[in-house]
């Protein structure tokens, strides 16, 4: 394996990771922003109010997007194995 080939694989892996975690992080960000606005308007400064909805939103996003994330990981792994076998 050449250094350019390895760099290409690492670059593809980073892009796939960013694409896969984007919906999960976006849901946590949206819920966090909504809760922060709610806390600012009502002046309720309860720390658990900030964390519990975000945890629930992230868990729901993992349940919704989990199959899609898993299929992307499997597809990338099979692609790597296929390229590795052709290099032999």
PDB file of N, CA and C in Angstrom:
ATOM      1  N   UNK A   1       0.849  -1.168   0.000  1.00  0.00           N
ATOM      2  CA  UNK A   1       0.000   0.000   0.000  1.00  0.00           C
ATOM      3  C   UNK A   1       0.899   1.238   0.000  1.00  0.00           C
ATOM      4  N   UNK A   2       0.588   2.146  -0.865  1.00  0.00           N
ATOM      5  CA  UNK A   2       1.364   3.373  -0.962  1.00  0.00           C
ATOM      6  C   UNK A   2       0.853   4.381   0.058  1.00  0.00           C
ATOM      7  N   UNK A   3       1.684   5.359   0.388  1.00  0.00           N
ATOM      8  CA  UNK A   3       1.207   6.400   1.310  1.00  0.00           C
ATOM      9  C   UNK A   3       0.018   7.184   0.748  1.00  0.00           C
ATOM     10  N   UNK A   4      -0.022   7.370  -0.561  1.00  0.00           N
ATOM     11  CA  UNK A   4      -1.164   8.074  -1.152  1.00  0.00           C
ATOM     12  C   UNK A   4      -2.452   7.261  -1.012  1.00  0.00           C
ATOM     13  N   UNK A   5      -2.345   5.946  -1.176  1.00  0.00           N
ATOM     14  CA  UNK A   5      -3.513   5.088  -1.002  1.00  0.00           C
ATOM     15  C   UNK A   5      -4.019   5.095   0.430  1.00  0.00           C
ATOM     16  N   UNK A   6      -3.098   5.056   1.365  1.00  0.00           N
ATOM     17  CA  UNK A   6      -3.470   5.107   2.775  1.00  0.00           C
ATOM     18  C   UNK A   6      -4.108   6.448   3.125  1.00  0.00           C
ATOM     19  N   UNK A   7      -3.552   7.530   2.596  1.00  0.00           N
ATOM     20  CA  UNK A   7      -4.110   8.864   2.843  1.00  0.00           C
ATOM     21  C   UNK A   7      -5.520   8.974   2.267  1.00  0.00           C
ATOM     22  N   UNK A   8      -5.739   8.368   1.106  1.00  0.00           N
ATOM     23  CA  UNK A   8      -7.060   8.375   0.497  1.00  0.00           C
ATOM     24  C   UNK A   8      -8.067   7.614   1.357  1.00  0.00           C
ATOM     25  N   UNK A   9      -7.656   6.477   1.902  1.00  0.00           N
ATOM     26  CA  UNK A   9      -8.546   5.691   2.767  1.00  0.00           C
ATOM     27  C   UNK A   9      -8.891   6.465   4.038  1.00  0.00           C
ATOM     28  N   UNK A  10      -7.906   7.108   4.636  1.00  0.00           N
ATOM     29  CA  UNK A  10      -8.155   7.892   5.858  1.00  0.00           C
ATOM     30  C   UNK A  10      -9.082   9.061   5.552  1.00  0.00           C
ATOM     31  N   UNK A  11      -8.883   9.708   4.404  1.00  0.00           N
ATOM     32  CA  UNK A  11      -9.739  10.821   4.017  1.00  0.00           C
ATOM     33  C   UNK A  11     -11.180  10.348   3.821  1.00  0.00           C
ATOM     34  N   UNK A  12     -11.363   9.221   3.146  1.00  0.00           N
ATOM     35  CA  UNK A  12     -12.708   8.673   2.968  1.00  0.00           C
ATOM     36  C   UNK A  12     -13.348   8.321   4.307  1.00  0.00           C
ATOM     37  N   UNK A  13     -12.571   7.762   5.212  1.00  0.00           N
ATOM     38  CA  UNK A  13     -13.098   7.388   6.527  1.00  0.00           C
ATOM     39  C   UNK A  13     -13.562   8.614   7.301  1.00  0.00           C
ATOM     40  N   UNK A  14     -12.782   9.677   7.258  1.00  0.00           N
ATOM     41  CA  UNK A  14     -13.156  10.897   7.981  1.00  0.00           C
ATOM     42  C   UNK A  14     -14.426  11.495   7.399  1.00  0.00           C
ATOM     43  N   UNK A  15     -14.538  11.526   6.079  1.00  0.00           N
ATOM     44  CA  UNK A  15     -15.743  12.072   5.448  1.00  0.00           C
ATOM     45  C   UNK A  15     -16.961  11.233   5.804  1.00  0.00           C
ATOM     46  N   UNK A  16     -16.826   9.924   5.780  1.00  0.00           N
ATOM     47  CA  UNK A  16     -17.954   9.050   6.117  1.00  0.00           C
ATOM     48  C   UNK A  16     -18.357   9.230   7.581  1.00  0.00           C
ATOM     49  N   UNK A  17     -17.384   9.360   8.464  1.00  0.00           N
ATOM     50  CA  UNK A  17     -17.694   9.579   9.886  1.00  0.00           C
ATOM     51  C   UNK A  17     -18.460  10.878  10.074  1.00  0.00           C
ATOM     52  N   UNK A  18     -18.013  11.941   9.418  1.00  0.00           N
ATOM     53  CA  UNK A  18     -18.694  13.235   9.557  1.00  0.00           C
ATOM     54  C   UNK A  18     -20.112  13.181   9.007  1.00  0.00           C
ATOM     55  N   UNK A  19     -20.298  12.492   7.892  1.00  0.00           N
ATOM     56  CA  UNK A  19     -21.642  12.370   7.314  1.00  0.00           C
ATOM     57  C   UNK A  19     -22.552  11.555   8.226  1.00  0.00           C
ATOM     58  N   UNK A  20     -22.004  10.512   8.848  1.00  0.00           N
ATOM     59  CA  UNK A  20     -22.831   9.639   9.686  1.00  0.00           C
ATOM     60  C   UNK A  20     -23.238  10.297  10.998  1.00  0.00           C
ATOM     61  N   UNK A  21     -22.376  11.101  11.589  1.00  0.00           N
ATOM     62  CA  UNK A  21     -22.722  11.689  12.883  1.00  0.00           C
ATOM     63  C   UNK A  21     -23.475  13.009  12.741  1.00  0.00           C
ATOM     64  N   UNK A  22     -23.541  13.565  11.531  1.00  0.00           N
ATOM     65  CA  UNK A  22     -24.193  14.861  11.343  1.00  0.00           C
ATOM     66  C   UNK A  22     -25.661  14.872  11.791  1.00  0.00           C
ATOM     67  N   UNK A  23     -26.499  13.904  11.384  1.00  0.00           N
ATOM     68  CA  UNK A  23     -27.899  13.973  11.841  1.00  0.00           C
ATOM     69  C   UNK A  23     -28.051  13.807  13.350  1.00  0.00           C
ATOM     70  N   UNK A  24     -27.202  13.002  13.950  1.00  0.00           N
ATOM     71  CA  UNK A  24     -27.291  12.775  15.396  1.00  0.00           C
ATOM     72  C   UNK A  24     -26.879  14.038  16.152  1.00  0.00           C
ATOM     73  N   UNK A  25     -25.787  14.648  15.709  1.00  0.00           N
ATOM     74  CA  UNK A  25     -25.356  15.883  16.355  1.00  0.00           C
ATOM     75  C   UNK A  25     -26.330  17.029  16.098  1.00  0.00           C
ATOM     76  N   UNK A  26     -26.921  17.056  14.907  1.00  0.00           N
ATOM     77  CA  UNK A  26     -27.879  18.123  14.591  1.00  0.00           C
ATOM     78  C   UNK A  26     -29.116  18.033  15.470  1.00  0.00           C
ATOM     79  N   UNK A  27     -29.569  16.823  15.755  1.00  0.00           N
ATOM     80  CA  UNK A  27     -30.738  16.690  16.631  1.00  0.00           C
ATOM     81  C   UNK A  27     -30.414  17.155  18.045  1.00  0.00           C
ATOM     82  N   UNK A  28     -29.241  16.795  18.542  1.00  0.00           N
ATOM     83  CA  UNK A  28     -28.832  17.271  19.868  1.00  0.00           C
ATOM     84  C   UNK A  28     -28.676  18.778  19.908  1.00  0.00           C
ATOM     85  N   UNK A  29     -28.140  19.339  18.832  1.00  0.00           N
ATOM     86  CA  UNK A  29     -27.970  20.794  18.761  1.00  0.00           C
ATOM     87  C   UNK A  29     -29.315  21.507  18.727  1.00  0.00           C
ATOM     88  N   UNK A  30     -30.253  20.989  17.936  1.00  0.00           N
ATOM     89  CA  UNK A  30     -31.569  21.619  17.836  1.00  0.00           C
ATOM     90  C   UNK A  30     -32.313  21.581  19.170  1.00  0.00           C
ATOM     91  N   UNK A  31     -32.273  20.439  19.835  1.00  0.00           N
ATOM     92  CA  UNK A  31     -32.952  20.329  21.132  1.00  0.00           C
ATOM     93  C   UNK A  31     -32.257  21.208  22.170  1.00  0.00           C
ATOM     94  N   UNK A  32     -30.940  21.224  22.154  1.00  0.00           N
ATOM     95  CA  UNK A  32     -30.205  22.072  23.101  1.00  0.00           C
ATOM     96  C   UNK A  32     -30.506  23.539  22.915  1.00  0.00           C
ATOM     97  N   UNK A  33     -30.587  23.975  21.649  1.00  0.00           N
ATOM     98  CA  UNK A  33     -30.913  25.376  21.375  1.00  0.00           C
ATOM     99  C   UNK A  33     -32.330  25.705  21.822  1.00  0.00           C
ATOM    100  N   UNK A  34     -33.264  24.789  21.564  1.00  0.00           N
ATOM    101  CA  UNK A  34     -34.651  25.012  21.986  1.00  0.00           C
ATOM    102  C   UNK A  34     -34.756  25.093  23.507  1.00  0.00           C
ATOM    103  N   UNK A  35     -34.096  24.200  24.202  1.00  0.00           N
ATOM    104  CA  UNK A  35     -34.140  24.213  25.666  1.00  0.00           C
ATOM    105  C   UNK A  35     -33.469  25.475  26.208  1.00  0.00           C
ATOM    106  N   UNK A  36     -32.386  25.898  25.597  1.00  0.00           N
ATOM    107  CA  UNK A  36     -31.712  27.117  26.054  1.00  0.00           C
ATOM    108  C   UNK A  36     -32.585  28.349  25.875  1.00  0.00           C
ATOM    109  N   UNK A  37     -33.282  28.411  24.740  1.00  0.00           N
ATOM    110  CA  UNK A  37     -34.195  29.539  24.534  1.00  0.00           C
ATOM    111  C   UNK A  37     -35.331  29.497  25.546  1.00  0.00           C
ATOM    112  N   UNK A  38     -35.856  28.294  25.809  1.00  0.00           N
ATOM    113  CA  UNK A  38     -36.916  28.136  26.812  1.00  0.00           C
ATOM    114  C   UNK A  38     -36.426  28.552  28.192  1.00  0.00           C
ATOM    115  N   UNK A  39     -35.204  28.159  28.546  1.00  0.00           N
ATOM    116  CA  UNK A  39     -34.653  28.533  29.849  1.00  0.00           C
ATOM    117  C   UNK A  39     -34.422  30.035  29.940  1.00  0.00           C
ATOM    118  N   UNK A  40     -33.988  30.639  28.850  1.00  0.00           N
ATOM    119  CA  UNK A  40     -33.732  32.086  28.879  1.00  0.00           C
ATOM    120  C   UNK A  40     -35.030  32.875  29.007  1.00  0.00           C
ATOM    121  N   UNK A  41     -36.088  32.411  28.357  1.00  0.00           N
ATOM    122  CA  UNK A  41     -37.344  33.159  28.432  1.00  0.00           C
ATOM    123  C   UNK A  41     -38.053  32.969  29.761  1.00  0.00           C
ATOM    124  N   UNK A  42     -37.933  31.787  30.347  1.00  0.00           N
ATOM    125  CA  UNK A  42     -38.615  31.546  31.609  1.00  0.00           C
ATOM    126  C   UNK A  42     -37.713  31.767  32.827  1.00  0.00           C
ATOM    127  N   UNK A  43     -36.444  31.983  32.598  1.00  0.00           N
ATOM    128  CA  UNK A  43     -35.441  32.188  33.641  1.00  0.00           C
ATOM    129  C   UNK A  43     -35.359  31.003  34.606  1.00  0.00           C
ATOM    130  N   UNK A  44     -35.587  29.817  34.074  1.00  0.00           N
ATOM    131  CA  UNK A  44     -35.398  28.588  34.854  1.00  0.00           C
ATOM    132  C   UNK A  44     -33.994  28.098  34.563  1.00  0.00           C
ATOM    133  N   UNK A  45     -33.167  27.997  35.574  1.00  0.00           N
ATOM    134  CA  UNK A  45     -31.776  27.597  35.379  1.00  0.00           C
ATOM    135  C   UNK A  45     -31.496  26.234  36.017  1.00  0.00           C
ATOM    136  N   UNK A  46     -32.303  25.274  35.689  1.00  0.00           N
ATOM    137  CA  UNK A  46     -32.129  23.916  36.203  1.00  0.00           C
ATOM    138  C   UNK A  46     -31.159  23.164  35.291  1.00  0.00           C
ATOM    139  N   UNK A  47     -30.045  22.678  35.819  1.00  0.00           N
ATOM    140  CA  UNK A  47     -29.050  22.012  34.952  1.00  0.00           C
ATOM    141  C   UNK A  47     -29.548  20.733  34.298  1.00  0.00           C
ATOM    142  N   UNK A  48     -30.392  19.970  34.997  1.00  0.00           N
ATOM    143  CA  UNK A  48     -30.874  18.724  34.407  1.00  0.00           C
ATOM    144  C   UNK A  48     -31.824  18.994  33.255  1.00  0.00           C
ATOM    145  N   UNK A  49     -32.451  20.142  33.246  1.00  0.00           N
ATOM    146  CA  UNK A  49     -33.356  20.492  32.161  1.00  0.00           C
ATOM    147  C   UNK A  49     -32.597  20.658  30.850  1.00  0.00           C
ATOM    148  N   UNK A  50     -31.316  20.964  30.938  1.00  0.00           N
ATOM    149  CA  UNK A  50     -30.518  21.131  29.727  1.00  0.00           C
ATOM    150  C   UNK A  50     -30.013  19.794  29.192  1.00  0.00           C
ATOM    151  N   UNK A  51     -29.730  18.844  30.055  1.00  0.00           N
ATOM    152  CA  UNK A  51     -29.092  17.607  29.618  1.00  0.00           C
ATOM    153  C   UNK A  51     -30.069  16.488  29.264  1.00  0.00           C
ATOM    154  N   UNK A  52     -31.113  16.318  30.014  1.00  0.00           N
ATOM    155  CA  UNK A  52     -32.026  15.190  29.809  1.00  0.00           C
ATOM    156  C   UNK A  52     -32.690  15.234  28.430  1.00  0.00           C
ATOM    157  N   UNK A  53     -33.241  16.368  27.986  1.00  0.00           N
ATOM    158  CA  UNK A  53     -33.839  16.366  26.632  1.00  0.00           C
ATOM    159  C   UNK A  53     -32.813  16.111  25.531  1.00  0.00           C
ATOM    160  N   UNK A  54     -31.589  16.602  25.705  1.00  0.00           N
ATOM    161  CA  UNK A  54     -30.562  16.359  24.691  1.00  0.00           C
ATOM    162  C   UNK A  54     -30.196  14.880  24.626  1.00  0.00           C
ATOM    163  N   UNK A  55     -30.094  14.239  25.781  1.00  0.00           N
ATOM    164  CA  UNK A  55     -29.778  12.809  25.807  1.00  0.00           C
ATOM    165  C   UNK A  55     -30.891  12.012  25.138  1.00  0.00           C
ATOM    166  N   UNK A  56     -32.127  12.359  25.433  1.00  0.00           N
ATOM    167  CA  UNK A  56     -33.262  11.660  24.825  1.00  0.00           C
ATOM    168  C   UNK A  56     -33.280  11.872  23.315  1.00  0.00           C
ATOM    169  N   UNK A  57     -33.014  13.104  22.866  1.00  0.00           N
ATOM    170  CA  UNK A  57     -33.007  13.389  21.430  1.00  0.00           C
ATOM    171  C   UNK A  57     -31.902  12.631  20.712  1.00  0.00           C
ATOM    172  N   UNK A  58     -30.727  12.570  21.324  1.00  0.00           N
ATOM    173  CA  UNK A  58     -29.621  11.850  20.703  1.00  0.00           C
ATOM    174  C   UNK A  58     -29.919  10.354  20.652  1.00  0.00           C
ATOM    175  N   UNK A  59     -30.484   9.801  21.708  1.00  0.00           N
ATOM    176  CA  UNK A  59     -30.842   8.379  21.701  1.00  0.00           C
ATOM    177  C   UNK A  59     -31.905   8.070  20.647  1.00  0.00           C
ATOM    178  N   UNK A  60     -32.886   8.946  20.503  1.00  0.00           N
ATOM    179  CA  UNK A  60     -33.897   8.758  19.465  1.00  0.00           C
ATOM    180  C   UNK A  60     -33.275   8.858  18.074  1.00  0.00           C
ATOM    181  N   UNK A  61     -32.349   9.798  17.888  1.00  0.00           N
ATOM    182  CA  UNK A  61     -31.678   9.930  16.596  1.00  0.00           C
ATOM    183  C   UNK A  61     -30.841   8.700  16.289  1.00  0.00           C
ATOM    184  N   UNK A  62     -30.201   8.131  17.301  1.00  0.00           N
ATOM    185  CA  UNK A  62     -29.421   6.900  17.091  1.00  0.00           C
ATOM    186  C   UNK A  62     -30.357   5.760  16.704  1.00  0.00           C
ATOM    187  N   UNK A  63     -31.529   5.700  17.316  1.00  0.00           N
ATOM    188  CA  UNK A  63     -32.487   4.653  16.956  1.00  0.00           C
ATOM    189  C   UNK A  63     -32.992   4.839  15.529  1.00  0.00           C
ATOM    190  N   UNK A  64     -33.229   6.070  15.131  1.00  0.00           N
ATOM    191  CA  UNK A  64     -33.756   6.339  13.790  1.00  0.00           C
ATOM    192  C   UNK A  64     -32.681   6.130  12.727  1.00  0.00           C
ATOM    193  N   UNK A  65     -31.491   6.683  12.964  1.00  0.00           N
ATOM    194  CA  UNK A  65     -30.430   6.644  11.957  1.00  0.00           C
ATOM    195  C   UNK A  65     -29.441   5.505  12.155  1.00  0.00           C
ATOM    196  N   UNK A  66     -29.648   4.665  13.149  1.00  0.00           N
ATOM    197  CA  UNK A  66     -28.698   3.601  13.452  1.00  0.00           C
ATOM    198  C   UNK A  66     -28.510   2.607  12.313  1.00  0.00           C
ATOM    199  N   UNK A  67     -29.598   2.210  11.685  1.00  0.00           N
ATOM    200  CA  UNK A  67     -29.503   1.272  10.572  1.00  0.00           C
ATOM    201  C   UNK A  67     -28.741   1.863   9.393  1.00  0.00           C
ATOM    202  N   UNK A  68     -29.002   3.122   9.117  1.00  0.00           N
ATOM    203  CA  UNK A  68     -28.317   3.811   8.026  1.00  0.00           C
ATOM    204  C   UNK A  68     -26.823   3.931   8.321  1.00  0.00           C
ATOM    205  N   UNK A  69     -26.481   4.272   9.553  1.00  0.00           N
ATOM    206  CA  UNK A  69     -25.070   4.390   9.946  1.00  0.00           C
ATOM    207  C   UNK A  69     -24.391   3.026   9.834  1.00  0.00           C
ATOM    208  N   UNK A  70     -25.048   1.991  10.319  1.00  0.00           N
ATOM    209  CA  UNK A  70     -24.466   0.647  10.270  1.00  0.00           C
ATOM    210  C   UNK A  70     -24.253   0.190   8.833  1.00  0.00           C
ATOM    211  N   UNK A  71     -25.223   0.462   7.965  1.00  0.00           N
ATOM    212  CA  UNK A  71     -25.065   0.045   6.566  1.00  0.00           C
ATOM    213  C   UNK A  71     -23.919   0.803   5.896  1.00  0.00           C
ATOM    214  N   UNK A  72     -23.715   2.064   6.244  1.00  0.00           N
ATOM    215  CA  UNK A  72     -22.580   2.812   5.693  1.00  0.00           C
ATOM    216  C   UNK A  72     -21.252   2.241   6.171  1.00  0.00           C
ATOM    217  N   UNK A  73     -21.183   1.855   7.430  1.00  0.00           N
ATOM    218  CA  UNK A  73     -19.949   1.268   7.957  1.00  0.00           C
ATOM    219  C   UNK A  73     -19.660  -0.071   7.277  1.00  0.00           C
ATOM    220  N   UNK A  74     -20.691  -0.889   7.107  1.00  0.00           N
ATOM    221  CA  UNK A  74     -20.507  -2.184   6.453  1.00  0.00           C
ATOM    222  C   UNK A  74     -20.089  -1.992   5.001  1.00  0.00           C
ATOM    223  N   UNK A  75     -20.728  -1.057   4.310  1.00  0.00           N
ATOM    224  CA  UNK A  75     -20.380  -0.795   2.913  1.00  0.00           C
ATOM    225  C   UNK A  75     -18.935  -0.313   2.786  1.00  0.00           C
ATOM    226  N   UNK A  76     -18.500   0.575   3.666  1.00  0.00           N
ATOM    227  CA  UNK A  76     -17.119   1.070   3.621  1.00  0.00           C
ATOM    228  C   UNK A  76     -16.137  -0.052   3.936  1.00  0.00           C
ATOM    229  N   UNK A  77     -16.474  -0.902   4.898  1.00  0.00           N
ATOM    230  CA  UNK A  77     -15.594  -2.017   5.253  1.00  0.00           C
ATOM    231  C   UNK A  77     -15.472  -3.007   4.101  1.00  0.00           C
ATOM    232  N   UNK A  78     -16.600  -3.323   3.472  1.00  0.00           N
ATOM    233  CA  UNK A  78     -16.554  -4.230   2.327  1.00  0.00           C
ATOM    234  C   UNK A  78     -15.768  -3.629   1.169  1.00  0.00           C
ATOM    235  N   UNK A  79     -15.898  -2.319   0.998  1.00  0.00           N
ATOM    236  CA  UNK A  79     -15.121  -1.638  -0.038  1.00  0.00           C
ATOM    237  C   UNK A  79     -13.626  -1.740   0.257  1.00  0.00           C
ATOM    238  N   UNK A  80     -13.249  -1.563   1.518  1.00  0.00           N
ATOM    239  CA  UNK A  80     -11.835  -1.670   1.889  1.00  0.00           C
ATOM    240  C   UNK A  80     -11.324  -3.091   1.680  1.00  0.00           C
ATOM    241  N   UNK A  81     -12.111  -4.077   2.063  1.00  0.00           N
ATOM    242  CA  UNK A  81     -11.700  -5.470   1.884  1.00  0.00           C
ATOM    243  C   UNK A  81     -11.585  -5.808   0.403  1.00  0.00           C
ATOM    244  N   UNK A  82     -12.517  -5.285  -0.391  1.00  0.00           N
ATOM    245  CA  UNK A  82     -12.469  -5.544  -1.822  1.00  0.00           C
ATOM    246  C   UNK A  82     -11.242  -4.940  -2.476  1.00  0.00           C
ATOM    247  N   UNK A  83     -10.895  -3.724  -2.063  1.00  0.00           N
ATOM    248  CA  UNK A  83      -9.678  -3.097  -2.596  1.00  0.00           C
ATOM    249  C   UNK A  83      -8.434  -3.822  -2.116  1.00  0.00           C
ATOM    250  N   UNK A  84      -8.453  -4.311  -0.890  1.00  0.00           N
ATOM    251  CA  UNK A  84      -7.307  -5.027  -0.356  1.00  0.00           C
ATOM    252  C   UNK A  84      -7.085  -6.338  -1.071  1.00  0.00           C
ATOM    253  N   UNK A  85      -8.167  -7.010  -1.432  1.00  0.00           N
ATOM    254  CA  UNK A  85      -8.044  -8.276  -2.126  1.00  0.00           C
ATOM    255  C   UNK A  85      -7.537  -8.085  -3.558  1.00  0.00           C
ATOM    256  N   UNK A  86      -7.905  -6.968  -4.179  1.00  0.00           N
ATOM    257  CA  UNK A  86      -7.423  -6.736  -5.538  1.00  0.00           C
ATOM    258  C   UNK A  86      -5.958  -6.323  -5.556  1.00  0.00           C
ATOM    259  N   UNK A  87      -5.452  -5.839  -4.437  1.00  0.00           N
ATOM    260  CA  UNK A  87      -4.054  -5.427  -4.373  1.00  0.00           C
ATOM    261  C   UNK A  87      -3.125  -6.633  -4.237  1.00  0.00           C
ATOM    262  N   UNK A  88      -3.646  -7.775  -3.764  1.00  0.00           N
ATOM    263  CA  UNK A  88      -2.818  -8.953  -3.586  1.00  0.00           C
ATOM    264  C   UNK A  88      -2.484  -9.560  -4.866  1.00  0.00           C
TER     265      UNK A  88
END
